[in-house]
């Protein structure tokens, strides 16, 4: 069992807050399992922030209320998908969560880029491509 990759969320959040100032430099070259866990948790939290920002950006390009609601509906299904695939028995597989968040963030950024040039691909936005 690789405990360093799976932690209950409360412990994960507490360790992040406690070690933030001390371990930032250690993420350049983690030396212990605790350093690795902290650094992975930091990536996990940052990936969640990036995901939320990219979602808001894409949603901002949608002019119709129905399109915005459809995007929210598909995103809720994606969250269920992520939670089912990256957690087990109350523990989050942080590395899995980071990777899945990164893929979804890239997906949103690509759709937003298309919208910026006038070619919003709602057919892609509302398809459950993550399964």
N, C-alpha and C. Protein backbone atom coordinates (compact mmCIF):
# COMPACT_ATOMS: atom_id res chain seq x y z
N UNK A 1 0.85 -1.18 0.00
CA UNK A 1 0.00 0.00 0.00
C UNK A 1 0.88 1.24 0.00
N UNK A 2 0.61 2.16 -0.88
CA UNK A 2 1.38 3.39 -0.96
C UNK A 2 0.65 4.48 -0.21
N UNK A 3 0.84 4.54 1.10
CA UNK A 3 0.14 5.49 1.94
C UNK A 3 0.42 6.93 1.55
N UNK A 4 1.60 7.19 1.06
CA UNK A 4 1.97 8.56 0.71
C UNK A 4 1.06 9.14 -0.36
N UNK A 5 0.40 8.32 -1.13
CA UNK A 5 -0.47 8.82 -2.20
C UNK A 5 -1.93 8.88 -1.80
N UNK A 6 -2.31 8.33 -0.65
CA UNK A 6 -3.71 8.32 -0.25
C UNK A 6 -3.83 8.84 1.17
N UNK A 7 -4.65 9.88 1.35
CA UNK A 7 -4.86 10.45 2.67
C UNK A 7 -6.32 10.87 2.80
N UNK A 8 -6.90 10.74 4.00
CA UNK A 8 -8.21 11.34 4.21
C UNK A 8 -8.08 12.84 4.01
N UNK A 9 -9.12 13.48 3.48
CA UNK A 9 -9.04 14.88 3.10
C UNK A 9 -8.68 15.77 4.28
N UNK A 10 -9.22 15.52 5.47
CA UNK A 10 -8.93 16.35 6.64
C UNK A 10 -7.45 16.36 6.97
N UNK A 11 -6.82 15.21 6.92
CA UNK A 11 -5.38 15.12 7.19
C UNK A 11 -4.63 15.83 6.08
N UNK A 12 -5.08 15.65 4.87
CA UNK A 12 -4.44 16.29 3.72
C UNK A 12 -4.46 17.81 3.88
N UNK A 13 -5.61 18.37 4.21
CA UNK A 13 -5.73 19.82 4.35
C UNK A 13 -4.91 20.32 5.53
N UNK A 14 -4.95 19.62 6.65
CA UNK A 14 -4.20 20.03 7.83
C UNK A 14 -2.70 20.01 7.55
N UNK A 15 -2.22 18.96 6.88
CA UNK A 15 -0.80 18.90 6.60
C UNK A 15 -0.39 19.99 5.64
N UNK A 16 -1.25 20.31 4.71
CA UNK A 16 -0.93 21.38 3.77
C UNK A 16 -0.77 22.71 4.50
N UNK A 17 -1.71 23.04 5.37
CA UNK A 17 -1.66 24.31 6.07
C UNK A 17 -0.48 24.38 7.03
N UNK A 18 -0.19 23.30 7.73
CA UNK A 18 0.88 23.28 8.71
C UNK A 18 2.25 23.37 8.07
N UNK A 19 2.44 22.67 7.00
CA UNK A 19 3.77 22.57 6.40
C UNK A 19 4.03 23.59 5.29
N UNK A 20 3.07 24.40 4.97
CA UNK A 20 3.18 25.29 3.82
C UNK A 20 4.47 26.10 3.83
N UNK A 21 4.74 26.82 4.89
CA UNK A 21 5.91 27.69 4.91
C UNK A 21 7.21 26.89 4.95
N UNK A 22 7.20 25.76 5.63
CA UNK A 22 8.42 24.99 5.83
C UNK A 22 8.82 24.20 4.59
N UNK A 23 7.87 23.59 3.92
CA UNK A 23 8.20 22.61 2.90
C UNK A 23 8.23 23.14 1.48
N UNK A 24 7.90 24.39 1.25
CA UNK A 24 7.89 24.91 -0.12
C UNK A 24 9.20 24.64 -0.85
N UNK A 25 10.30 24.90 -0.21
CA UNK A 25 11.60 24.66 -0.84
C UNK A 25 11.83 23.18 -1.09
N UNK A 26 11.29 22.31 -0.22
CA UNK A 26 11.47 20.87 -0.34
C UNK A 26 10.79 20.28 -1.55
N UNK A 27 9.86 20.99 -2.15
CA UNK A 27 9.15 20.45 -3.32
C UNK A 27 10.03 20.42 -4.56
N UNK A 28 11.10 21.16 -4.53
CA UNK A 28 12.04 21.10 -5.65
C UNK A 28 12.76 19.77 -5.67
N UNK A 29 12.94 19.18 -4.47
CA UNK A 29 13.63 17.91 -4.36
C UNK A 29 13.16 17.20 -3.08
N UNK A 30 11.92 16.63 -3.10
CA UNK A 30 11.41 15.98 -1.89
C UNK A 30 12.31 14.82 -1.46
N UNK A 31 12.63 14.77 -0.16
CA UNK A 31 13.55 13.76 0.33
C UNK A 31 12.86 12.65 1.14
N UNK A 32 11.71 12.93 1.68
CA UNK A 32 11.03 11.95 2.52
C UNK A 32 9.62 11.71 1.99
N UNK A 33 8.99 10.63 2.43
CA UNK A 33 7.60 10.40 2.04
C UNK A 33 6.69 11.55 2.48
N UNK A 34 7.00 12.19 3.60
CA UNK A 34 6.20 13.32 4.06
C UNK A 34 6.33 14.50 3.10
N UNK A 35 7.56 14.75 2.64
CA UNK A 35 7.77 15.81 1.65
C UNK A 35 7.00 15.51 0.37
N UNK A 36 7.08 14.27 -0.09
CA UNK A 36 6.39 13.88 -1.32
C UNK A 36 4.88 14.05 -1.17
N UNK A 37 4.35 13.65 -0.02
CA UNK A 37 2.91 13.79 0.23
C UNK A 37 2.51 15.26 0.23
N UNK A 38 3.29 16.08 0.91
CA UNK A 38 3.00 17.51 0.95
C UNK A 38 3.01 18.11 -0.45
N UNK A 39 4.04 17.80 -1.21
CA UNK A 39 4.18 18.37 -2.56
C UNK A 39 3.06 17.90 -3.48
N UNK A 40 2.69 16.64 -3.37
CA UNK A 40 1.60 16.12 -4.18
C UNK A 40 0.28 16.77 -3.77
N UNK A 41 0.09 16.97 -2.46
CA UNK A 41 -1.12 17.63 -1.97
C UNK A 41 -1.19 19.07 -2.49
N UNK A 42 -0.04 19.72 -2.52
CA UNK A 42 0.01 21.10 -3.03
C UNK A 42 -0.39 21.13 -4.50
N UNK A 43 0.11 20.19 -5.28
CA UNK A 43 -0.28 20.10 -6.69
C UNK A 43 -1.77 19.83 -6.83
N UNK A 44 -2.28 18.97 -5.97
CA UNK A 44 -3.71 18.63 -5.96
C UNK A 44 -4.55 19.89 -5.75
N UNK A 45 -4.20 20.68 -4.74
CA UNK A 45 -4.97 21.89 -4.44
C UNK A 45 -4.84 22.93 -5.55
N UNK A 46 -3.65 23.08 -6.09
CA UNK A 46 -3.45 24.02 -7.19
C UNK A 46 -4.20 23.58 -8.44
N UNK A 47 -4.25 22.26 -8.69
CA UNK A 47 -4.97 21.77 -9.87
C UNK A 47 -6.47 22.03 -9.73
N UNK A 48 -6.99 21.95 -8.51
CA UNK A 48 -8.40 22.27 -8.29
C UNK A 48 -8.67 23.74 -8.59
N UNK A 49 -7.78 24.62 -8.16
CA UNK A 49 -7.96 26.05 -8.44
C UNK A 49 -7.91 26.32 -9.94
N UNK A 50 -6.96 25.72 -10.63
CA UNK A 50 -6.85 25.91 -12.08
C UNK A 50 -8.08 25.37 -12.80
N UNK A 51 -8.58 24.24 -12.34
CA UNK A 51 -9.79 23.66 -12.93
C UNK A 51 -10.97 24.62 -12.78
N UNK A 52 -11.15 25.16 -11.59
CA UNK A 52 -12.26 26.09 -11.35
C UNK A 52 -12.14 27.34 -12.20
N UNK A 53 -10.93 27.88 -12.34
CA UNK A 53 -10.73 29.07 -13.16
C UNK A 53 -11.02 28.80 -14.64
N UNK A 54 -10.56 27.66 -15.14
CA UNK A 54 -10.78 27.35 -16.55
C UNK A 54 -12.27 27.09 -16.82
N UNK A 55 -12.97 26.49 -15.86
CA UNK A 55 -14.41 26.28 -15.99
C UNK A 55 -15.14 27.62 -16.06
N UNK A 56 -14.78 28.54 -15.17
CA UNK A 56 -15.42 29.87 -15.16
C UNK A 56 -15.16 30.61 -16.47
N UNK A 57 -13.93 30.49 -16.97
CA UNK A 57 -13.60 31.16 -18.23
C UNK A 57 -14.46 30.62 -19.37
N UNK A 58 -14.56 29.31 -19.48
CA UNK A 58 -15.36 28.71 -20.55
C UNK A 58 -16.83 29.08 -20.39
N UNK A 59 -17.34 28.99 -19.18
CA UNK A 59 -18.75 29.32 -18.93
C UNK A 59 -19.04 30.77 -19.32
N UNK A 60 -18.06 31.65 -19.12
CA UNK A 60 -18.23 33.05 -19.49
C UNK A 60 -18.40 33.27 -20.98
N UNK A 61 -17.96 32.33 -21.80
CA UNK A 61 -18.10 32.46 -23.25
C UNK A 61 -19.49 32.02 -23.73
N UNK A 62 -20.23 31.34 -22.89
CA UNK A 62 -21.54 30.84 -23.30
C UNK A 62 -22.59 31.93 -23.11
N UNK A 63 -23.28 32.24 -24.18
CA UNK A 63 -24.24 33.36 -24.17
C UNK A 63 -25.63 32.91 -23.72
N UNK A 64 -26.00 31.69 -24.01
CA UNK A 64 -27.34 31.21 -23.69
C UNK A 64 -27.36 30.55 -22.31
N UNK A 65 -28.42 30.84 -21.56
CA UNK A 65 -28.58 30.26 -20.22
C UNK A 65 -28.63 28.73 -20.29
N UNK A 66 -29.29 28.20 -21.32
CA UNK A 66 -29.41 26.74 -21.47
C UNK A 66 -28.04 26.09 -21.66
N UNK A 67 -27.17 26.75 -22.42
CA UNK A 67 -25.83 26.22 -22.65
C UNK A 67 -25.03 26.21 -21.35
N UNK A 68 -25.15 27.26 -20.59
CA UNK A 68 -24.46 27.34 -19.30
C UNK A 68 -24.95 26.24 -18.35
N UNK A 69 -26.26 26.03 -18.32
CA UNK A 69 -26.83 24.98 -17.47
C UNK A 69 -26.38 23.60 -17.93
N UNK A 70 -26.27 23.40 -19.23
CA UNK A 70 -25.82 22.11 -19.76
C UNK A 70 -24.36 21.86 -19.38
N UNK A 71 -23.53 22.90 -19.44
CA UNK A 71 -22.13 22.76 -19.04
C UNK A 71 -22.03 22.38 -17.57
N UNK A 72 -22.82 23.01 -16.73
CA UNK A 72 -22.84 22.68 -15.30
C UNK A 72 -23.27 21.24 -15.09
N UNK A 73 -24.28 20.80 -15.82
CA UNK A 73 -24.77 19.42 -15.70
C UNK A 73 -23.68 18.41 -16.07
N UNK A 74 -22.98 18.65 -17.16
CA UNK A 74 -21.91 17.75 -17.59
C UNK A 74 -20.76 17.79 -16.59
N UNK A 75 -20.46 18.97 -16.06
CA UNK A 75 -19.37 19.07 -15.09
C UNK A 75 -19.70 18.30 -13.81
N UNK A 76 -20.93 18.32 -13.40
CA UNK A 76 -21.32 17.54 -12.21
C UNK A 76 -21.13 16.04 -12.46
N UNK A 77 -21.42 15.60 -13.67
CA UNK A 77 -21.17 14.19 -14.02
C UNK A 77 -19.68 13.90 -14.01
N UNK A 78 -18.89 14.86 -14.49
CA UNK A 78 -17.44 14.68 -14.48
C UNK A 78 -16.93 14.56 -13.04
N UNK A 79 -17.46 15.39 -12.13
CA UNK A 79 -17.05 15.32 -10.73
C UNK A 79 -17.35 13.94 -10.15
N UNK A 80 -18.51 13.39 -10.47
CA UNK A 80 -18.84 12.02 -10.04
C UNK A 80 -17.83 11.02 -10.60
N UNK A 81 -17.50 11.18 -11.89
CA UNK A 81 -16.51 10.32 -12.53
C UNK A 81 -15.16 10.40 -11.80
N UNK A 82 -14.71 11.63 -11.55
CA UNK A 82 -13.42 11.82 -10.86
C UNK A 82 -13.45 11.20 -9.47
N UNK A 83 -14.51 11.46 -8.74
CA UNK A 83 -14.59 10.95 -7.37
C UNK A 83 -14.63 9.43 -7.33
N UNK A 84 -15.31 8.82 -8.27
CA UNK A 84 -15.36 7.35 -8.33
C UNK A 84 -14.02 6.75 -8.70
N UNK A 85 -13.27 7.43 -9.57
CA UNK A 85 -12.02 6.88 -10.05
C UNK A 85 -10.80 7.24 -9.21
N UNK A 86 -10.92 8.28 -8.39
CA UNK A 86 -9.74 8.74 -7.65
C UNK A 86 -9.91 8.70 -6.14
N UNK A 87 -10.89 7.96 -5.67
CA UNK A 87 -11.03 7.82 -4.22
C UNK A 87 -11.49 6.41 -3.89
N UNK A 88 -11.17 6.02 -2.68
CA UNK A 88 -11.55 4.69 -2.22
C UNK A 88 -11.59 4.71 -0.70
N UNK A 89 -12.67 4.24 -0.14
CA UNK A 89 -12.85 4.11 1.31
C UNK A 89 -12.52 5.41 2.06
N UNK A 90 -12.98 6.53 1.53
CA UNK A 90 -12.78 7.81 2.20
C UNK A 90 -11.42 8.44 1.97
N UNK A 91 -10.58 7.84 1.16
CA UNK A 91 -9.26 8.40 0.86
C UNK A 91 -9.20 8.85 -0.59
N UNK A 92 -8.48 9.93 -0.81
CA UNK A 92 -8.30 10.46 -2.16
C UNK A 92 -6.95 10.01 -2.67
N UNK A 93 -6.94 9.46 -3.87
CA UNK A 93 -5.68 9.17 -4.54
C UNK A 93 -5.26 10.50 -5.17
N UNK A 94 -4.36 11.19 -4.50
CA UNK A 94 -3.99 12.55 -4.87
C UNK A 94 -3.37 12.61 -6.27
N UNK A 95 -2.52 11.66 -6.59
CA UNK A 95 -1.89 11.66 -7.91
C UNK A 95 -2.93 11.48 -9.01
N UNK A 96 -3.89 10.60 -8.81
CA UNK A 96 -4.97 10.39 -9.78
C UNK A 96 -5.79 11.66 -9.92
N UNK A 97 -6.16 12.26 -8.78
CA UNK A 97 -6.97 13.47 -8.81
C UNK A 97 -6.25 14.58 -9.56
N UNK A 98 -4.96 14.74 -9.30
CA UNK A 98 -4.18 15.76 -10.00
C UNK A 98 -4.22 15.53 -11.51
N UNK A 99 -3.98 14.30 -11.93
CA UNK A 99 -3.93 13.99 -13.36
C UNK A 99 -5.29 14.20 -14.03
N UNK A 100 -6.36 13.76 -13.38
CA UNK A 100 -7.71 13.91 -13.94
C UNK A 100 -8.08 15.39 -14.00
N UNK A 101 -7.76 16.14 -12.95
CA UNK A 101 -8.02 17.59 -12.96
C UNK A 101 -7.26 18.27 -14.09
N UNK A 102 -6.00 17.90 -14.25
CA UNK A 102 -5.17 18.50 -15.30
C UNK A 102 -5.78 18.25 -16.68
N UNK A 103 -6.22 17.02 -16.93
CA UNK A 103 -6.84 16.70 -18.22
C UNK A 103 -8.11 17.52 -18.45
N UNK A 104 -8.92 17.66 -17.41
CA UNK A 104 -10.17 18.42 -17.55
C UNK A 104 -9.88 19.91 -17.75
N UNK A 105 -8.87 20.42 -17.05
CA UNK A 105 -8.47 21.82 -17.21
C UNK A 105 -8.02 22.08 -18.65
N UNK A 106 -7.21 21.18 -19.18
CA UNK A 106 -6.76 21.31 -20.58
C UNK A 106 -7.95 21.29 -21.53
N UNK A 107 -8.92 20.42 -21.26
CA UNK A 107 -10.13 20.34 -22.08
C UNK A 107 -10.87 21.69 -22.07
N UNK A 108 -11.07 22.26 -20.87
CA UNK A 108 -11.76 23.55 -20.77
C UNK A 108 -10.97 24.66 -21.47
N UNK A 109 -9.68 24.67 -21.31
CA UNK A 109 -8.86 25.71 -21.94
C UNK A 109 -8.93 25.62 -23.47
N UNK A 110 -8.93 24.40 -23.99
CA UNK A 110 -9.06 24.23 -25.44
C UNK A 110 -10.41 24.72 -25.94
N UNK A 111 -11.49 24.41 -25.21
CA UNK A 111 -12.81 24.87 -25.62
C UNK A 111 -12.89 26.39 -25.52
N UNK A 112 -12.33 26.99 -24.48
CA UNK A 112 -12.35 28.45 -24.33
C UNK A 112 -11.56 29.11 -25.46
N UNK A 113 -10.44 28.52 -25.83
CA UNK A 113 -9.63 29.05 -26.94
C UNK A 113 -10.44 29.04 -28.23
N UNK A 114 -11.19 27.97 -28.45
CA UNK A 114 -12.04 27.89 -29.64
C UNK A 114 -13.10 28.99 -29.61
N UNK A 115 -13.69 29.22 -28.43
CA UNK A 115 -14.72 30.25 -28.31
C UNK A 115 -14.14 31.64 -28.57
N UNK A 116 -12.92 31.88 -28.13
CA UNK A 116 -12.30 33.19 -28.32
C UNK A 116 -12.17 33.55 -29.79
N UNK A 117 -12.01 32.53 -30.65
CA UNK A 117 -11.88 32.81 -32.08
C UNK A 117 -13.20 32.64 -32.81
N UNK A 118 -14.28 32.48 -32.05
CA UNK A 118 -15.61 32.45 -32.65
C UNK A 118 -16.13 31.09 -33.06
N UNK A 119 -15.53 30.03 -32.57
CA UNK A 119 -15.97 28.68 -32.94
C UNK A 119 -16.23 27.83 -31.70
N UNK A 120 -17.16 28.24 -30.84
CA UNK A 120 -17.50 27.46 -29.64
C UNK A 120 -18.04 26.10 -30.07
N UNK A 121 -17.41 25.05 -29.60
CA UNK A 121 -17.80 23.68 -29.95
C UNK A 121 -18.67 23.09 -28.85
N UNK A 122 -19.94 23.52 -28.83
CA UNK A 122 -20.84 23.02 -27.80
C UNK A 122 -21.01 21.51 -27.89
N UNK A 123 -20.89 20.95 -29.10
CA UNK A 123 -21.01 19.51 -29.25
C UNK A 123 -19.92 18.80 -28.43
N UNK A 124 -18.74 19.39 -28.31
CA UNK A 124 -17.67 18.81 -27.48
C UNK A 124 -17.86 19.15 -26.01
N UNK A 125 -18.27 20.39 -25.72
CA UNK A 125 -18.45 20.81 -24.33
C UNK A 125 -19.44 19.95 -23.57
N UNK A 126 -20.48 19.54 -24.26
CA UNK A 126 -21.58 18.86 -23.58
C UNK A 126 -21.54 17.35 -23.74
N UNK A 127 -20.47 16.84 -24.32
CA UNK A 127 -20.30 15.39 -24.48
C UNK A 127 -19.44 14.88 -23.34
N UNK A 128 -19.81 13.75 -22.80
CA UNK A 128 -19.05 13.15 -21.70
C UNK A 128 -17.83 12.43 -22.25
N UNK A 129 -16.85 13.22 -22.67
CA UNK A 129 -15.63 12.69 -23.26
C UNK A 129 -14.70 12.07 -22.23
N UNK A 130 -15.00 12.24 -20.97
CA UNK A 130 -14.11 11.80 -19.89
C UNK A 130 -14.30 10.34 -19.50
N UNK A 131 -15.29 9.69 -20.02
CA UNK A 131 -15.54 8.29 -19.63
C UNK A 131 -14.63 7.34 -20.36
